[in-house]
């Protein structure tokens, strides 16, 4: 069975909603994030599929394929990788190598297929559903030294989260810390 990995950029107080502008991507990053990018490329090498909710998928589809001067390599990786979008309303995903899944039963079936890790990133509502359904095998949290005090959180109040064990921590030059957890 493949691992389903939830990877999130997250603030110290658990917010994953980036609408406040605390997180930038690709060529828009202000600080030297070459060490974070190298880590992300290692994670990308260990996966062969990404999983999105509809809103995040549409955001990604509207941004990455249009990047013609992407020095990070993310555009090429995303365009070539198998992408899955969980949606009841989308019919044509409109992005190469993309497939629409209708619900968590199809996500379970995807996990059963041979292959590498499946990574879910962003996709707040979908991440909550995956956590609630017990489908997450690993959490990779890139914790940014920011406190917002409000915004959508990865772990909702009252969410049933299994006991977790830390399997890796890594600090980057920018002060971002990667914390990797697996169910205990």
Foldseek 3Di string as FASTA:
>chain_A
DAAEEEEAAAEPVFARDCPVVPDDDFPPDDDPCVVVLVVVVVVLVQFQEEEAEPVVLVVCVVPLCPDPPGPSCPSVSVLPGQYEYADCPDDDSPGPNYDYDPDVVVVVVVRVDDGGYYYYYDRQVVLLVCQQVVRHFKYKYFYDHDDDPDHRGNADVPRDHADKDWDDWDADPRRTIITMIGHD
